[in-house]
Amino acid sequence: SEKQAEKAVHQKKEQSKTKCRKARRRHINLVAEFNHRQRKNIWLETHIWHAKRFHMVKKWGYCLGNSPTEKSYRACYRAMTKDCLLQDLSYYCCLELKGKENELLKQLARICSIDTGLTFQEASCLSGRFEGSLNLYRADRYPEDMLGPVTFIWKPRDGSENRQLWIWVHPALKQDILRELKAIFQCSEPEEICITEPVTSLQEEKQVEVVTSLGNKRKKEDKEGEKAVPVKKIIGDGTRDPFQSYSWIARTTGIAISDRSMEILRYRLIGPLSHSVLTGTLKAASVQTV
């Protein structure tokens, strides 16, 4: 019995030796671990950066940075007034509408009012040059039954009568606004069912087995190992069941509504140098006309 106990201790030591920090930090392990840890609360792309520097809170199905761990308020204020400060607003939900412009405007006019300011039909916004903001109401119920504030962006015209509109909503308002949009456009049938399955514990175990089976071969076959590294899966977003469809179409008008939450990242730049930071970061693509 003593020999068996010694043998068990020796085996445990050998196992602990194999799991060195380098092995634990391998990308294939991190992906499985990250997916497992964000099953209930989705992480933004900048989560790791924020988690090291901020107190994190769980809100609206996301894990968000609430306040900095260090006293960096003066630095943030200095950046806002003299340089540039960036905020990650990717937790805001994006609802995409596609269809004929007149059909879109006809129904969208029912959930907003010209009495509150600009509408979806504002010329400067409709052209796609500027982003607009307004308050939405339940269909034909203004000034009662307010749904909440939204911002919107029209894709610039390309000569076709078909247009594309992005509506950005707070995650707390998304379900109510999405339900109202589906009702006014009569979009009930799923356009396409594309289910992104979350990584299960069994899949995670298989990934870990792959890492341990590679062992020393990983160093020699590093390039082949990199090809086998899985891409991080986006498990829907914090406001949507990953097993539900996220695109609907109206058979009568052809209007399509899609939930693009967490598919399009959104950042806000504040400060006098915001424009120069953007111009220095982004490069214009060469447009080729066929």
Foldseek 3Di string as FASTA:
>chain_A
DVVVVVVVVVVVVVVVVLPDVVLCPDLLLVLLVQLVVLPQADEAPCRVVLVVFADWDGPLRHIDGDGGPDPCPVVQVCCQAANKDKDWPLQWWKKKKKAFPVLVCVLQCQFFDCVFPDGCVPPCQQQQNDKAKGWTAAGNDPPPRTLGIWIKGWDHDPPDRMTMMIITHRSVRVVVVVVRVCVSQVFDAFPDFDADDRQDPVNSVVSSVVSVVCRPVCVVPVVVVVVVRDDRDDQDHRNDHRRDGFKTADPVRRMIMGTCRSVDIDMDMHHPCSVVVVVVVDDDDDDDDD
